[in-house]
Amino acid sequence: MKSSARNIALASLDDLFSTEESRAEEGREKVREIPLDQLYPFRNHPFKVRDDERMLDTAESIREHGVLVPAIARPREEGGYELIAGHRRKRGCELAGLSTMPVIVRALDDDAATIIMVDSNIQRESILPSERAFAYKMKLEAMKRQAGRPPKENMSQLGTQKRSDQIMAEQIGESRNQIQRYIRLTALLPELLDMVDERKIAFNPAVELSWLRPEEQHGLLEAMDGEQATPSLSQAQRLKKFSQEGRLSIDVMRAVLSEEKKSDVDRITFRSDTLRKYFPRSYTPQQMEQTILKLLESWQRKRQQTLER
């Protein structure tokens, strides 16, 4: 019986090594130029992409220098790619007239993708309270789901597992309590949360109001519109107490809001749209306030010099 060995085709060394190299190359992360129409926003992305002054600057920079830092995306089952980091860069590319952008494609599960998405955005200079609130909530929920497989660095010297919010607090430089207070804002109606973003309602009162039931929050919107007032911290705390006692009604809200706030006695306020026309669009409220104070100081010095003549 003749041996069948001579019928076996052996791969050459070149073929073997080229196969190993190609496999390694496939597994290595690469920057790819991906068409913008194949890039989809992250599901429930909490950070707003606005065509503001900063975005125009981003578009101009991309037009002049290109995208310096690649975006990060993951493949979608239905085709295309889900952006994890780079939503503003994508919009900048669109405004700059580009059709593609550099992207690093990674295979990530939902929780890992969520954490990267939040971490890549949370350190930006200007983040709205609503953006921070939903970002903190998304990241903390993802971290809690991952808690069943904690890395060694998340274990204390006693061998006990750290709480997810404790780890998160250490990562982002916030206290656990402050993280939870931001997350409370996600319980507000969108209309009330918009008022927090617009600084019509301060952060601390907003946290207290988040404990009101949805129907009570709807009533609060009506009461605020009728009284043309927003609650102070002490008023918000009282509204929360009335709610917990089951005694909160529209009439009670109106009565609380109609009270003169101690802080309003000596306060002078200006509407944002009244002042905005005198400042560049890129100016923040803090920059506007600092400029106004400097101008008042200059006016006071000139007035004093006039009186001394």
C-alpha atoms as a PDB file:
ATOM      1  CA  MET A   1       0.000   0.000   0.000  1.00  0.00           C
ATOM      2  CA  LYS A   2       1.448   3.304  -1.078  1.00  0.00           C
ATOM      3  CA  SER A   3       1.838   6.038   1.500  1.00  0.00           C
ATOM      4  CA  SER A   4      -0.519   8.973   1.157  1.00  0.00           C
ATOM      5  CA  ALA A   5       2.035  11.327   2.689  1.00  0.00           C
ATOM      6  CA  ARG A   6       3.197  12.471  -0.710  1.00  0.00           C
ATOM      7  CA  ASN A   7      -0.348  13.768  -1.354  1.00  0.00           C
ATOM      8  CA  ILE A   8      -0.252  16.104   1.663  1.00  0.00           C
ATOM      9  CA  ALA A   9       0.537  19.680   0.649  1.00  0.00           C
ATOM     10  CA  LEU A  10       2.731  21.418   3.218  1.00  0.00           C
ATOM     11  CA  ALA A  11       2.572  25.179   3.584  1.00  0.00           C
ATOM     12  CA  SER A  12       5.811  27.021   3.023  1.00  0.00           C
ATOM     13  CA  LEU A  13       7.514  28.921   5.824  1.00  0.00           C
ATOM     14  CA  ASP A  14       6.697  32.183   4.030  1.00  0.00           C
ATOM     15  CA  ASP A  15       3.008  31.241   3.986  1.00  0.00           C
ATOM     16  CA  LEU A  16       3.037  30.309   7.676  1.00  0.00           C
ATOM     17  CA  PHE A  17       4.735  33.515   8.801  1.00  0.00           C
ATOM     18  CA  SER A  18       2.634  35.726   6.524  1.00  0.00           C
ATOM     19  CA  THR A  19      -0.509  34.163   7.993  1.00  0.00           C
ATOM     20  CA  GLU A  20       0.655  34.877  11.555  1.00  0.00           C
ATOM     21  CA  GLU A  21       1.565  38.439  10.614  1.00  0.00           C
ATOM     22  CA  SER A  22      -1.767  39.031   8.943  1.00  0.00           C
ATOM     23  CA  ARG A  23      -3.605  37.724  12.003  1.00  0.00           C
ATOM     24  CA  ALA A  24      -1.594  39.966  14.289  1.00  0.00           C
ATOM     25  CA  GLU A  25      -2.237  42.888  11.967  1.00  0.00           C
ATOM     26  CA  GLU A  26      -5.967  42.237  12.035  1.00  0.00           C
ATOM     27  CA  GLY A  27      -5.978  42.243  15.829  1.00  0.00           C
ATOM     28  CA  ARG A  28      -3.917  45.446  16.073  1.00  0.00           C
ATOM     29  CA  GLU A  29      -5.760  48.754  16.450  1.00  0.00           C
ATOM     30  CA  LYS A  30      -5.428  50.937  13.386  1.00  0.00           C
ATOM     31  CA  VAL A  31      -6.561  54.414  12.503  1.00  0.00           C
ATOM     32  CA  ARG A  32      -9.015  54.233   9.633  1.00  0.00           C
ATOM     33  CA  GLU A  33     -10.551  56.938   7.486  1.00  0.00           C
ATOM     34  CA  ILE A  34     -14.273  56.288   7.854  1.00  0.00           C
ATOM     35  CA  PRO A  35     -17.048  58.134   5.960  1.00  0.00           C
ATOM     36  CA  LEU A  36     -19.004  60.461   8.230  1.00  0.00           C
ATOM     37  CA  ASP A  37     -22.310  58.954   7.113  1.00  0.00           C
ATOM     38  CA  GLN A  38     -21.184  55.620   8.584  1.00  0.00           C
ATOM     39  CA  LEU A  39     -20.618  57.117  12.044  1.00  0.00           C
ATOM     40  CA  TYR A  40     -23.657  57.105  14.355  1.00  0.00           C
ATOM     41  CA  PRO A  41     -23.990  58.862  17.745  1.00  0.00           C
ATOM     42  CA  PHE A  42     -23.641  56.887  20.951  1.00  0.00           C
ATOM     43  CA  ARG A  43     -27.000  55.691  22.241  1.00  0.00           C
ATOM     44  CA  ASN A  44     -28.371  58.164  24.833  1.00  0.00           C
ATOM     45  CA  HIS A  45     -25.283  60.347  24.437  1.00  0.00           C
ATOM     46  CA  PRO A  46     -25.599  62.856  27.320  1.00  0.00           C
ATOM     47  CA  PHE A  47     -23.323  65.560  25.915  1.00  0.00           C
ATOM     48  CA  LYS A  48     -24.890  68.099  23.582  1.00  0.00           C
ATOM     49  CA  VAL A  49     -23.156  69.000  20.333  1.00  0.00           C
ATOM     50  CA  ARG A  50     -23.861  72.695  19.754  1.00  0.00           C
ATOM     51  CA  ASP A  51     -22.966  74.898  16.806  1.00  0.00           C
ATOM     52  CA  ASP A  52     -21.549  77.579  19.080  1.00  0.00           C
ATOM     53  CA  GLU A  53     -18.413  79.696  18.921  1.00  0.00           C
ATOM     54  CA  ARG A  54     -16.246  76.814  20.109  1.00  0.00           C
ATOM     55  CA  MET A  55     -17.623  74.548  17.413  1.00  0.00           C
ATOM     56  CA  LEU A  56     -16.857  77.139  14.745  1.00  0.00           C
ATOM     57  CA  ASP A  57     -13.291  77.307  16.084  1.00  0.00           C
ATOM     58  CA  THR A  58     -13.072  73.505  15.976  1.00  0.00           C
ATOM     59  CA  ALA A  59     -14.281  73.449  12.370  1.00  0.00           C
ATOM     60  CA  GLU A  60     -11.751  76.106  11.387  1.00  0.00           C
ATOM     61  CA  SER A  61      -8.939  74.173  13.068  1.00  0.00           C
ATOM     62  CA  ILE A  62      -9.966  70.969  11.288  1.00  0.00           C
ATOM     63  CA  ARG A  63     -10.171  72.820   7.995  1.00  0.00           C
ATOM     64  CA  GLU A  64      -6.639  74.127   8.513  1.00  0.00           C
ATOM     65  CA  HIS A  65      -4.865  71.237  10.275  1.00  0.00           C
ATOM     66  CA  GLY A  66      -7.170  68.224   9.954  1.00  0.00           C
ATOM     67  CA  VAL A  67      -8.326  66.027  12.834  1.00  0.00           C
ATOM     68  CA  LEU A  68      -5.309  65.728  15.130  1.00  0.00           C
ATOM     69  CA  VAL A  69      -6.806  63.166  17.546  1.00  0.00           C
ATOM     70  CA  PRO A  70      -8.705  60.212  16.010  1.00  0.00           C
ATOM     71  CA  ALA A  71     -12.199  59.442  17.238  1.00  0.00           C
ATOM     72  CA  ILE A  72     -13.055  56.101  18.851  1.00  0.00           C
ATOM     73  CA  ALA A  73     -15.917  53.950  17.583  1.00  0.00           C
ATOM     74  CA  ARG A  74     -17.166  50.388  17.702  1.00  0.00           C
ATOM     75  CA  PRO A  75     -18.851  48.297  14.988  1.00  0.00           C
ATOM     76  CA  ARG A  76     -22.663  48.216  14.899  1.00  0.00           C
ATOM     77  CA  GLU A  77     -24.540  44.986  14.277  1.00  0.00           C
ATOM     78  CA  GLU A  78     -26.763  46.790  11.779  1.00  0.00           C
ATOM     79  CA  GLY A  79     -23.780  48.240   9.924  1.00  0.00           C
ATOM     80  CA  GLY A  80     -21.606  51.298  10.309  1.00  0.00           C
ATOM     81  CA  TYR A  81     -19.957  52.382  13.542  1.00  0.00           C
ATOM     82  CA  GLU A  82     -21.159  53.811  16.856  1.00  0.00           C
ATOM     83  CA  LEU A  83     -19.127  56.810  17.992  1.00  0.00           C
ATOM     84  CA  ILE A  84     -17.781  56.501  21.513  1.00  0.00           C
ATOM     85  CA  ALA A  85     -15.519  59.560  21.560  1.00  0.00           C
ATOM     86  CA  GLY A  86     -15.427  62.245  18.895  1.00  0.00           C
ATOM     87  CA  HIS A  87     -18.960  63.578  18.434  1.00  0.00           C
ATOM     88  CA  ARG A  88     -17.780  67.196  18.362  1.00  0.00           C
ATOM     89  CA  ARG A  89     -14.944  66.325  15.994  1.00  0.00           C
ATOM     90  CA  LYS A  90     -17.418  64.673  13.647  1.00  0.00           C
ATOM     91  CA  ARG A  91     -19.600  67.798  13.624  1.00  0.00           C
ATOM     92  CA  GLY A  92     -16.487  69.917  13.079  1.00  0.00           C
ATOM     93  CA  CYS A  93     -15.614  67.766  10.052  1.00  0.00           C
ATOM     94  CA  GLU A  94     -19.117  68.259   8.660  1.00  0.00           C
ATOM     95  CA  LEU A  95     -18.849  72.037   9.029  1.00  0.00           C
ATOM     96  CA  ALA A  96     -15.362  71.931   7.506  1.00  0.00           C
ATOM     97  CA  GLY A  97     -16.729  70.178   4.429  1.00  0.00           C
ATOM     98  CA  LEU A  98     -14.946  66.859   4.955  1.00  0.00           C
ATOM     99  CA  SER A  99     -16.506  63.512   4.073  1.00  0.00           C
ATOM    100  CA  THR A 100     -14.329  61.247   6.263  1.00  0.00           C
ATOM    101  CA  MET A 101     -12.501  61.397   9.582  1.00  0.00           C
ATOM    102  CA  PRO A 102      -9.792  59.294  11.279  1.00  0.00           C
ATOM    103  CA  VAL A 103     -11.255  56.730  13.687  1.00  0.00           C
ATOM    104  CA  ILE A 104      -9.863  53.979  15.912  1.00  0.00           C
ATOM    105  CA  VAL A 105     -12.278  51.052  15.816  1.00  0.00           C
ATOM    106  CA  ARG A 106     -12.497  48.906  18.959  1.00  0.00           C
ATOM    107  CA  ALA A 107     -14.680  45.944  19.865  1.00  0.00           C
ATOM    108  CA  LEU A 108     -16.184  47.072  23.179  1.00  0.00           C
ATOM    109  CA  ASP A 109     -19.165  45.894  25.200  1.00  0.00           C
ATOM    110  CA  ASP A 110     -21.820  48.378  26.316  1.00  0.00           C
ATOM    111  CA  ASP A 111     -20.374  49.053  29.766  1.00  0.00           C
ATOM    112  CA  ALA A 112     -16.782  49.547  28.600  1.00  0.00           C
ATOM    113  CA  ALA A 113     -17.984  51.798  25.780  1.00  0.00           C
ATOM    114  CA  THR A 114     -20.099  53.868  28.189  1.00  0.00           C
ATOM    115  CA  ILE A 115     -17.202  54.428  30.587  1.00  0.00           C
ATOM    116  CA  ILE A 116     -14.852  55.507  27.784  1.00  0.00           C
ATOM    117  CA  MET A 117     -17.545  57.795  26.350  1.00  0.00           C
ATOM    118  CA  VAL A 118     -18.048  59.558  29.693  1.00  0.00           C
ATOM    119  CA  ASP A 119     -14.343  59.758  30.575  1.00  0.00           C
ATOM    120  CA  SER A 120     -13.463  61.273  27.196  1.00  0.00           C
ATOM    121  CA  ASN A 121     -15.946  64.127  27.696  1.00  0.00           C
ATOM    122  CA  ILE A 122     -16.281  64.784  31.420  1.00  0.00           C
ATOM    123  CA  GLN A 123     -13.090  66.854  31.757  1.00  0.00           C
ATOM    124  CA  ARG A 124     -14.186  69.472  29.210  1.00  0.00           C
ATOM    125  CA  GLU A 125     -14.218  73.048  30.508  1.00  0.00           C
ATOM    126  CA  SER A 126     -17.879  73.865  29.907  1.00  0.00           C
ATOM    127  CA  ILE A 127     -20.293  71.070  30.806  1.00  0.00           C
ATOM    128  CA  LEU A 128     -23.941  71.737  31.572  1.00  0.00           C
ATOM    129  CA  PRO A 129     -25.396  70.364  34.824  1.00  0.00           C
ATOM    130  CA  SER A 130     -27.750  68.126  32.825  1.00  0.00           C
ATOM    131  CA  GLU A 131     -24.830  66.703  30.835  1.00  0.00           C
ATOM    132  CA  ARG A 132     -22.852  65.973  33.994  1.00  0.00           C
ATOM    133  CA  ALA A 133     -25.921  64.467  35.681  1.00  0.00           C
ATOM    134  CA  PHE A 134     -26.713  61.940  32.959  1.00  0.00           C
ATOM    135  CA  ALA A 135     -23.019  61.189  32.322  1.00  0.00           C
ATOM    136  CA  TYR A 136     -22.446  60.402  36.014  1.00  0.00           C
ATOM    137  CA  LYS A 137     -25.562  58.211  36.064  1.00  0.00           C
ATOM    138  CA  MET A 138     -24.547  56.274  32.945  1.00  0.00           C
ATOM    139  CA  LYS A 139     -20.996  55.691  34.152  1.00  0.00           C
ATOM    140  CA  LEU A 140     -22.013  54.655  37.666  1.00  0.00           C
ATOM    141  CA  GLU A 141     -24.575  52.170  36.347  1.00  0.00           C
ATOM    142  CA  ALA A 142     -21.958  50.711  33.984  1.00  0.00           C
ATOM    143  CA  MET A 143     -19.426  50.422  36.810  1.00  0.00           C
ATOM    144  CA  LYS A 144     -21.956  48.683  39.050  1.00  0.00           C
ATOM    145  CA  ARG A 145     -22.642  46.122  36.332  1.00  0.00           C
ATOM    146  CA  GLN A 146     -18.906  45.515  36.082  1.00  0.00           C
ATOM    147  CA  ALA A 147     -18.577  45.118  39.859  1.00  0.00           C
ATOM    148  CA  GLY A 148     -18.818  41.337  39.569  1.00  0.00           C
ATOM    149  CA  ARG A 149     -15.401  41.275  37.913  1.00  0.00           C
ATOM    150  CA  PRO A 150     -13.427  44.004  39.747  1.00  0.00           C
ATOM    151  CA  PRO A 151      -9.759  44.521  38.870  1.00  0.00           C
ATOM    152  CA  LYS A 152      -7.214  44.074  41.651  1.00  0.00           C
ATOM    153  CA  GLU A 153      -6.609  47.811  41.960  1.00  0.00           C
ATOM    154  CA  ASN A 154     -10.226  48.210  43.085  1.00  0.00           C
ATOM    155  CA  MET A 155      -9.648  46.071  46.178  1.00  0.00           C
ATOM    156  CA  SER A 156      -8.579  47.626  49.470  1.00  0.00           C
ATOM    157  CA  GLN A 157      -5.677  46.344  51.557  1.00  0.00           C
ATOM    158  CA  LEU A 158      -8.187  44.425  53.674  1.00  0.00           C
ATOM    159  CA  GLY A 159      -9.373  42.586  50.582  1.00  0.00           C
ATOM    160  CA  THR A 160     -12.817  44.197  50.486  1.00  0.00           C
ATOM    161  CA  GLN A 161     -14.201  45.592  47.269  1.00  0.00           C
ATOM    162  CA  LYS A 162     -14.546  49.356  46.983  1.00  0.00           C
ATOM    163  CA  ARG A 163     -17.975  50.795  46.220  1.00  0.00           C
ATOM    164  CA  SER A 164     -18.474  51.803  42.601  1.00  0.00           C
ATOM    165  CA  ASP A 165     -19.280  55.403  43.545  1.00  0.00           C
ATOM    166  CA  GLN A 166     -16.115  55.544  45.678  1.00  0.00           C
ATOM    167  CA  ILE A 167     -13.979  54.421  42.729  1.00  0.00           C
ATOM    168  CA  MET A 168     -15.761  56.899  40.474  1.00  0.00           C
ATOM    169  CA  ALA A 169     -15.242  59.716  42.986  1.00  0.00           C
ATOM    170  CA  GLU A 170     -11.509  59.028  43.028  1.00  0.00           C
ATOM    171  CA  GLN A 171     -11.360  58.955  39.243  1.00  0.00           C
ATOM    172  CA  ILE A 172     -13.156  62.232  38.550  1.00  0.00           C
ATOM    173  CA  GLY A 173     -12.230  64.207  41.654  1.00  0.00           C
ATOM    174  CA  GLU A 174     -15.742  64.605  43.063  1.00  0.00           C
ATOM    175  CA  SER A 175     -17.112  63.463  46.407  1.00  0.00           C
ATOM    176  CA  ARG A 176     -19.488  60.502  46.448  1.00  0.00           C
ATOM    177  CA  ASN A 177     -22.176  62.780  47.853  1.00  0.00           C
ATOM    178  CA  GLN A 178     -21.758  65.311  45.042  1.00  0.00           C
ATOM    179  CA  ILE A 179     -21.958  62.569  42.421  1.00  0.00           C
ATOM    180  CA  GLN A 180     -25.240  61.368  43.906  1.00  0.00           C
ATOM    181  CA  ARG A 181     -26.574  64.934  44.040  1.00  0.00           C
ATOM    182  CA  TYR A 182     -25.839  65.414  40.344  1.00  0.00           C
ATOM    183  CA  ILE A 183     -27.534  62.110  39.545  1.00  0.00           C
ATOM    184  CA  ARG A 184     -30.628  63.334  41.442  1.00  0.00           C
ATOM    185  CA  LEU A 185     -31.058  65.984  38.728  1.00  0.00           C
ATOM    186  CA  THR A 186     -31.978  63.258  36.230  1.00  0.00           C
ATOM    187  CA  ALA A 187     -35.275  62.905  38.138  1.00  0.00           C
ATOM    188  CA  LEU A 188     -36.297  66.441  37.117  1.00  0.00           C
ATOM    189  CA  LEU A 189     -38.696  67.107  34.258  1.00  0.00           C
ATOM    190  CA  PRO A 190     -36.840  68.227  31.099  1.00  0.00           C
ATOM    191  CA  GLU A 191     -38.360  71.705  31.428  1.00  0.00           C
ATOM    192  CA  LEU A 192     -36.986  72.116  34.953  1.00  0.00           C
ATOM    193  CA  LEU A 193     -33.625  70.638  34.006  1.00  0.00           C
ATOM    194  CA  ASP A 194     -33.379  73.143  31.144  1.00  0.00           C
ATOM    195  CA  MET A 195     -33.886  75.916  33.713  1.00  0.00           C
ATOM    196  CA  VAL A 196     -30.972  74.517  35.725  1.00  0.00           C
ATOM    197  CA  ASP A 197     -28.779  74.571  32.601  1.00  0.00           C
ATOM    198  CA  GLU A 198     -29.894  78.149  31.932  1.00  0.00           C
ATOM    199  CA  ARG A 199     -29.102  79.116  35.562  1.00  0.00           C
ATOM    200  CA  LYS A 200     -32.682  80.128  36.213  1.00  0.00           C
ATOM    201  CA  ILE A 201     -32.766  77.554  39.008  1.00  0.00           C
ATOM    202  CA  ALA A 202     -29.645  77.098  41.133  1.00  0.00           C
ATOM    203  CA  PHE A 203     -28.077  73.678  41.628  1.00  0.00           C
ATOM    204  CA  ASN A 204     -28.874  73.183  45.322  1.00  0.00           C
ATOM    205  CA  PRO A 205     -32.587  74.074  45.038  1.00  0.00           C
ATOM    206  CA  ALA A 206     -32.785  71.851  41.935  1.00  0.00           C
ATOM    207  CA  VAL A 207     -31.534  68.849  43.924  1.00  0.00           C
ATOM    208  CA  GLU A 208     -34.295  69.397  46.498  1.00  0.00           C
ATOM    209  CA  LEU A 209     -36.941  69.798  43.775  1.00  0.00           C
ATOM    210  CA  SER A 210     -35.881  66.508  42.193  1.00  0.00           C
ATOM    211  CA  TRP A 211     -37.625  64.709  45.069  1.00  0.00           C
ATOM    212  CA  LEU A 212     -41.020  66.049  43.984  1.00  0.00           C
ATOM    213  CA  ARG A 213     -43.252  63.625  42.115  1.00  0.00           C
ATOM    214  CA  PRO A 214     -43.625  64.255  38.342  1.00  0.00           C
ATOM    215  CA  GLU A 215     -47.156  65.606  38.729  1.00  0.00           C
ATOM    216  CA  GLU A 216     -45.923  67.953  41.459  1.00  0.00           C
ATOM    217  CA  GLN A 217     -43.121  69.155  39.198  1.00  0.00           C
ATOM    218  CA  HIS A 218     -45.693  69.927  36.494  1.00  0.00           C
ATOM    219  CA  GLY A 219     -47.610  71.912  39.092  1.00  0.00           C
ATOM    220  CA  LEU A 220     -44.428  73.721  40.108  1.00  0.00           C
ATOM    221  CA  LEU A 221     -43.872  74.845  36.515  1.00  0.00           C
ATOM    222  CA  GLU A 222     -47.373  76.322  36.509  1.00  0.00           C
ATOM    223  CA  ALA A 223     -46.826  78.008  39.879  1.00  0.00           C
ATOM    224  CA  MET A 224     -43.466  79.482  38.818  1.00  0.00           C
ATOM    225  CA  ASP A 225     -45.021  80.842  35.649  1.00  0.00           C
ATOM    226  CA  GLY A 226     -47.880  82.418  37.605  1.00  0.00           C
ATOM    227  CA  GLU A 227     -45.659  83.969  40.261  1.00  0.00           C
ATOM    228  CA  GLN A 228     -42.788  84.745  37.877  1.00  0.00           C
ATOM    229  CA  ALA A 229     -40.399  83.362  40.460  1.00  0.00           C
ATOM    230  CA  THR A 230     -38.101  80.390  41.032  1.00  0.00           C
ATOM    231  CA  PRO A 231     -37.573  78.783  44.442  1.00  0.00           C
ATOM    232  CA  SER A 232     -34.620  79.560  46.661  1.00  0.00           C
ATOM    233  CA  LEU A 233     -32.906  76.750  48.556  1.00  0.00           C
ATOM    234  CA  SER A 234     -35.023  77.235  51.693  1.00  0.00           C
ATOM    235  CA  GLN A 235     -38.202  77.388  49.610  1.00  0.00           C
ATOM    236  CA  ALA A 236     -37.249  74.237  47.685  1.00  0.00           C
ATOM    237  CA  GLN A 237     -36.573  72.443  50.975  1.00  0.00           C
ATOM    238  CA  ARG A 238     -40.017  73.438  52.235  1.00  0.00           C
ATOM    239  CA  LEU A 239     -41.668  72.278  49.012  1.00  0.00           C
ATOM    240  CA  LYS A 240     -39.909  68.922  49.396  1.00  0.00           C
ATOM    241  CA  LYS A 241     -41.109  68.654  53.012  1.00  0.00           C
ATOM    242  CA  PHE A 242     -44.700  69.452  52.014  1.00  0.00           C
ATOM    243  CA  SER A 243     -44.457  66.772  49.318  1.00  0.00           C
ATOM    244  CA  GLN A 244     -43.184  64.162  51.768  1.00  0.00           C
ATOM    245  CA  GLU A 245     -46.074  65.009  54.083  1.00  0.00           C
ATOM    246  CA  GLY A 246     -48.596  64.743  51.234  1.00  0.00           C
ATOM    247  CA  ARG A 247     -49.608  68.410  51.611  1.00  0.00           C
ATOM    248  CA  LEU A 248     -48.116  69.916  48.456  1.00  0.00           C
ATOM    249  CA  SER A 249     -50.632  71.597  46.150  1.00  0.00           C
ATOM    250  CA  ILE A 250     -50.611  74.363  43.559  1.00  0.00           C
ATOM    251  CA  ASP A 251     -51.891  76.820  46.171  1.00  0.00           C
ATOM    252  CA  VAL A 252     -49.118  75.864  48.583  1.00  0.00           C
ATOM    253  CA  MET A 253     -46.521  76.268  45.817  1.00  0.00           C
ATOM    254  CA  ARG A 254     -47.864  79.695  44.906  1.00  0.00           C
ATOM    255  CA  ALA A 255     -47.851  80.770  48.551  1.00  0.00           C
ATOM    256  CA  VAL A 256     -44.240  79.674  49.038  1.00  0.00           C
ATOM    257  CA  LEU A 257     -43.025  81.249  45.793  1.00  0.00           C
ATOM    258  CA  SER A 258     -44.800  84.552  46.490  1.00  0.00           C
ATOM    259  CA  GLU A 259     -42.760  85.097  49.653  1.00  0.00           C
ATOM    260  CA  GLU A 260     -40.041  87.691  49.377  1.00  0.00           C
ATOM    261  CA  LYS A 261     -36.635  86.053  49.470  1.00  0.00           C
ATOM    262  CA  LYS A 262     -34.154  87.580  51.922  1.00  0.00           C
ATOM    263  CA  SER A 263     -31.490  87.473  49.242  1.00  0.00           C
ATOM    264  CA  ASP A 264     -33.699  89.496  46.865  1.00  0.00           C
ATOM    265  CA  VAL A 265     -33.924  92.565  49.102  1.00  0.00           C
ATOM    266  CA  ASP A 266     -30.519  93.950  48.068  1.00  0.00           C
ATOM    267  CA  ARG A 267     -30.129  92.108  44.768  1.00  0.00           C
ATOM    268  CA  ILE A 268     -30.012  93.716  41.334  1.00  0.00           C
ATOM    269  CA  THR A 269     -30.458  91.336  38.425  1.00  0.00           C
ATOM    270  CA  PHE A 270     -30.146  91.678  34.667  1.00  0.00           C
ATOM    271  CA  ARG A 271     -31.638  89.426  32.042  1.00  0.00           C
ATOM    272  CA  SER A 272     -29.002  87.506  30.081  1.00  0.00           C
ATOM    273  CA  ASP A 273     -30.366  88.669  26.719  1.00  0.00           C
ATOM    274  CA  THR A 274     -30.143  92.295  27.920  1.00  0.00           C
ATOM    275  CA  LEU A 275     -26.388  91.996  28.541  1.00  0.00           C
ATOM    276  CA  ARG A 276     -25.478  89.482  25.835  1.00  0.00           C
ATOM    277  CA  LYS A 277     -25.587  92.047  23.002  1.00  0.00           C
ATOM    278  CA  TYR A 278     -22.661  93.920  24.573  1.00  0.00           C
ATOM    279  CA  PHE A 279     -20.316  90.908  24.704  1.00  0.00           C
ATOM    280  CA  PRO A 280     -18.730  88.469  22.235  1.00  0.00           C
ATOM    281  CA  ARG A 281     -20.693  85.256  21.815  1.00  0.00           C
ATOM    282  CA  SER A 282     -17.845  83.237  23.329  1.00  0.00           C
ATOM    283  CA  TYR A 283     -18.047  85.062  26.699  1.00  0.00           C
ATOM    284  CA  THR A 284     -19.270  82.975  29.634  1.00  0.00           C
ATOM    285  CA  PRO A 285     -21.488  84.542  32.351  1.00  0.00           C
ATOM    286  CA  GLN A 286     -18.437  84.657  34.647  1.00  0.00           C
ATOM    287  CA  GLN A 287     -16.426  86.579  32.038  1.00  0.00           C
ATOM    288  CA  MET A 288     -19.329  88.981  31.559  1.00  0.00           C
ATOM    289  CA  GLU A 289     -19.552  89.584  35.313  1.00  0.00           C
ATOM    290  CA  GLN A 290     -15.792  90.200  35.614  1.00  0.00           C
ATOM    291  CA  THR A 291     -15.866  92.680  32.719  1.00  0.00           C
ATOM    292  CA  ILE A 292     -18.816  94.567  34.224  1.00  0.00           C
ATOM    293  CA  LEU A 293     -17.062  94.818  37.593  1.00  0.00           C
ATOM    294  CA  LYS A 294     -13.866  96.112  35.961  1.00  0.00           C
ATOM    295  CA  LEU A 295     -15.848  98.756  34.075  1.00  0.00           C
ATOM    296  CA  LEU A 296     -17.625  99.812  37.290  1.00  0.00           C
ATOM    297  CA  GLU A 297     -14.292 100.102  39.096  1.00  0.00           C
ATOM    298  CA  SER A 298     -12.966 102.288  36.289  1.00  0.00           C
ATOM    299  CA  TRP A 299     -16.124 104.426  36.377  1.00  0.00           C
ATOM    300  CA  GLN A 300     -15.823 104.800  40.168  1.00  0.00           C
ATOM    301  CA  ARG A 301     -12.183 105.959  39.913  1.00  0.00           C
ATOM    302  CA  LYS A 302     -13.029 108.564  37.275  1.00  0.00           C
ATOM    303  CA  ARG A 303     -15.994 109.759  39.341  1.00  0.00           C
ATOM    304  CA  GLN A 304     -13.821 110.063  42.437  1.00  0.00           C
ATOM    305  CA  GLN A 305     -11.197 112.040  40.499  1.00  0.00           C
ATOM    306  CA  THR A 306     -13.925 114.395  39.272  1.00  0.00           C
ATOM    307  CA  LEU A 307     -15.229 114.978  42.803  1.00  0.00           C
ATOM    308  CA  GLU A 308     -11.705 115.745  44.077  1.00  0.00           C
ATOM    309  CA  ARG A 309     -11.099 118.505  41.544  1.00  0.00           C
END
